[in-house]
Amino acid sequence: MNLQPLLDAPLAVQVHVAAVLPAALLGAYILVNRKGTPAHRLLGKIWMVLMVVTSLSSFFIHQINLFYGFSPIHLLSVSVLVGAWRAITAARAKNIRAHKAAVIGMYFGGIVIAGLFTLIPGRIMNAVVFSGGPSWILLLTLAALAGTLVLQQRLASRRF
């Protein structure tokens, strides 16, 4: 892992990564935790803000210039903005099924699928993740995430 390509990247890329990384972790945490609690609502609001910042910042990233500076990946950003609107309006209307569908779609489309595109050779995150430097940071981060999820599952099964 080498952070230098990210540190050398344009500000829009840095803002984008600074929003999407916590959104990925927080989103996974929210998806596996109990729903409808005050903590769920607070973390969900924070996650929505992170996702909107992630989506909006992507419109200032033009490294793949297929159509006036934009690419098909930007369609995911539009879908995240639409999904955020749908998720919020559905939650306010107490339409939990629509809220859940919108949030899951945002997470898997806006984070998982888009995240996989960032690992294509030639992209900045490919250079960050797969070029030299201490790869133990990546392993430590993954281990911490896995440990957090296991601990959370154990706590959730106790139903405090």
Protein backbone atom coordinates (compact mmCIF):
# COMPACT_ATOMS: atom_id res chain seq x y z
CA MET A 1 0.00 0.00 0.00
CA ASN A 2 1.32 3.42 -0.96
CA LEU A 3 -0.58 6.61 -0.08
CA GLN A 4 1.59 8.87 -2.23
CA PRO A 5 -0.62 8.60 -5.37
CA LEU A 6 -3.59 9.72 -3.25
CA LEU A 7 -1.61 12.57 -1.68
CA ASP A 8 -0.58 13.71 -5.17
CA ALA A 9 -4.15 13.45 -6.51
CA PRO A 10 -6.38 16.47 -7.16
CA LEU A 11 -8.36 17.86 -4.21
CA ALA A 12 -11.63 16.46 -5.59
CA VAL A 13 -10.20 12.93 -5.46
CA GLN A 14 -8.94 13.45 -1.91
CA VAL A 15 -12.34 14.75 -0.75
CA HIS A 16 -14.03 11.86 -2.52
CA VAL A 17 -11.84 9.24 -0.82
CA ALA A 18 -12.11 11.02 2.55
CA ALA A 19 -15.90 10.70 2.34
CA VAL A 20 -16.23 7.24 0.80
CA LEU A 21 -13.89 5.34 3.12
CA PRO A 22 -15.81 6.14 6.31
CA ALA A 23 -19.07 5.70 4.38
CA ALA A 24 -18.00 2.18 3.41
CA LEU A 25 -17.15 1.21 6.97
CA LEU A 26 -20.12 2.96 8.56
CA GLY A 27 -22.49 1.57 5.95
CA ALA A 28 -21.35 -1.98 6.63
CA TYR A 29 -21.76 -1.39 10.36
CA ILE A 30 -25.28 -0.02 9.90
CA LEU A 31 -26.31 -2.86 7.58
CA VAL A 32 -25.39 -5.55 10.12
CA ASN A 33 -26.77 -3.77 13.19
CA ARG A 34 -30.22 -3.48 14.66
CA LYS A 35 -32.50 -1.14 12.75
CA GLY A 36 -34.87 1.55 13.97
CA THR A 37 -32.89 2.51 17.06
CA PRO A 38 -31.83 6.09 17.82
CA ALA A 39 -28.23 5.05 17.05
CA HIS A 40 -29.35 3.65 13.67
CA ARG A 41 -31.07 6.92 12.81
CA LEU A 42 -28.08 9.05 13.84
CA LEU A 43 -25.51 6.89 12.06
CA GLY A 44 -27.80 6.69 9.04
CA LYS A 45 -27.91 10.49 8.79
CA ILE A 46 -24.13 10.67 9.00
CA TRP A 47 -23.87 7.95 6.36
CA MET A 48 -26.26 9.80 4.05
CA VAL A 49 -24.18 12.98 4.31
CA LEU A 50 -21.02 11.01 3.54
CA MET A 51 -22.68 9.39 0.54
CA VAL A 52 -23.95 12.70 -0.83
CA VAL A 53 -20.48 14.27 -0.41
CA THR A 54 -18.97 11.22 -2.12
CA SER A 55 -21.43 11.50 -4.98
CA LEU A 56 -21.13 15.26 -5.44
CA SER A 57 -17.34 15.21 -5.29
CA SER A 58 -17.26 12.63 -8.08
CA PHE A 59 -18.62 15.21 -10.51
CA PHE A 60 -15.33 17.10 -10.15
CA ILE A 61 -13.26 14.03 -11.04
CA HIS A 62 -12.70 13.76 -14.79
CA GLN A 63 -9.92 11.22 -15.20
CA ILE A 64 -12.00 9.01 -17.47
CA ASN A 65 -13.16 11.48 -20.12
CA LEU A 66 -15.67 9.73 -22.34
CA PHE A 67 -18.35 12.41 -22.65
CA TYR A 68 -17.44 16.06 -21.88
CA GLY A 69 -15.34 15.02 -18.87
CA PHE A 70 -17.77 12.42 -17.59
CA SER A 71 -17.92 8.65 -17.78
CA PRO A 72 -20.46 5.89 -17.14
CA ILE A 73 -19.20 5.73 -13.54
CA HIS A 74 -20.83 9.14 -13.01
CA LEU A 75 -24.19 7.47 -13.61
CA LEU A 76 -23.61 5.67 -10.30
CA SER A 77 -23.22 9.07 -8.66
CA VAL A 78 -26.55 10.19 -10.07
CA SER A 79 -28.15 6.96 -8.84
CA VAL A 80 -26.70 7.55 -5.36
CA LEU A 81 -28.22 11.04 -5.23
CA VAL A 82 -31.59 9.66 -6.37
CA GLY A 83 -31.24 6.79 -3.90
CA ALA A 84 -30.51 9.20 -1.04
CA TRP A 85 -33.67 11.12 -1.86
CA ARG A 86 -35.70 7.91 -2.06
CA ALA A 87 -34.25 6.54 1.18
CA ILE A 88 -34.97 9.72 3.11
CA THR A 89 -38.49 10.17 1.80
CA ALA A 90 -39.28 6.49 2.37
CA ALA A 91 -37.98 6.60 5.94
CA ARG A 92 -40.03 9.71 6.69
CA ALA A 93 -43.11 8.03 5.22
CA LYS A 94 -42.37 4.94 7.35
CA ASN A 95 -42.06 2.86 4.19
CA ILE A 96 -39.30 0.62 5.55
CA ARG A 97 -39.25 -1.72 2.55
CA ALA A 98 -38.55 1.14 0.11
CA HIS A 99 -36.03 2.69 2.54
CA LYS A 100 -34.16 -0.60 2.85
CA ALA A 101 -34.11 -1.14 -0.92
CA ALA A 102 -32.78 2.36 -1.56
CA VAL A 103 -30.06 2.10 1.07
CA ILE A 104 -28.90 -1.36 -0.03
CA GLY A 105 -28.84 -0.16 -3.63
CA MET A 106 -26.78 2.88 -2.64
CA TYR A 107 -24.33 0.78 -0.66
CA PHE A 108 -23.75 -1.92 -3.23
CA GLY A 109 -23.94 0.35 -6.28
CA GLY A 110 -22.25 3.43 -4.89
CA ILE A 111 -19.61 1.76 -2.74
CA VAL A 112 -19.08 -1.87 -3.72
CA ILE A 113 -19.44 -1.65 -7.51
CA ALA A 114 -17.89 1.81 -7.82
CA GLY A 115 -15.12 0.71 -5.46
CA LEU A 116 -14.28 -2.21 -7.71
CA PHE A 117 -13.95 0.17 -10.66
CA THR A 118 -11.35 2.17 -8.72
CA LEU A 119 -9.09 -0.88 -8.62
CA ILE A 120 -8.76 -1.06 -12.41
CA PRO A 121 -5.09 -0.70 -13.47
CA GLY A 122 -4.21 2.91 -14.20
CA ARG A 123 -6.57 4.35 -11.58
CA ILE A 124 -5.30 6.14 -8.46
CA MET A 125 -6.71 3.64 -5.95
CA ASN A 126 -5.10 0.78 -7.86
CA ALA A 127 -1.75 2.50 -7.34
CA VAL A 128 -2.56 3.12 -3.67
CA VAL A 129 -3.59 -0.45 -2.89
CA PHE A 130 -1.32 -2.50 -5.14
CA SER A 131 1.93 -0.52 -5.34
CA GLY A 132 4.86 -0.80 -2.91
CA GLY A 133 4.92 0.32 0.67
CA PRO A 134 3.71 -1.34 3.84
CA SER A 135 0.94 -3.75 2.85
CA TRP A 136 0.49 -4.57 6.55
CA ILE A 137 -1.64 -1.41 6.86
CA LEU A 138 -4.22 -2.90 4.50
CA LEU A 139 -4.14 -6.22 6.33
CA LEU A 140 -4.46 -4.50 9.70
CA THR A 141 -7.44 -2.47 8.46
CA LEU A 142 -9.17 -5.57 7.11
CA ALA A 143 -8.49 -7.47 10.34
CA ALA A 144 -9.91 -4.60 12.41
CA LEU A 145 -13.01 -4.45 10.24
CA ALA A 146 -13.55 -8.20 10.46
CA GLY A 147 -13.04 -8.12 14.23
CA THR A 148 -15.53 -5.29 14.60
CA LEU A 149 -18.15 -7.17 12.61
CA VAL A 150 -17.64 -10.38 14.62
CA LEU A 151 -17.83 -8.47 17.90
CA GLN A 152 -20.94 -6.66 16.76
CA GLN A 153 -22.63 -9.91 15.79
CA ARG A 154 -21.84 -11.40 19.18
CA LEU A 155 -23.20 -8.35 20.99
CA ALA A 156 -26.31 -8.31 18.81
CA SER A 157 -27.00 -11.97 19.58
CA ARG A 158 -27.06 -11.23 23.31
CA ARG A 159 -29.87 -8.67 22.89
CA PHE A 160 -28.83 -6.38 25.73
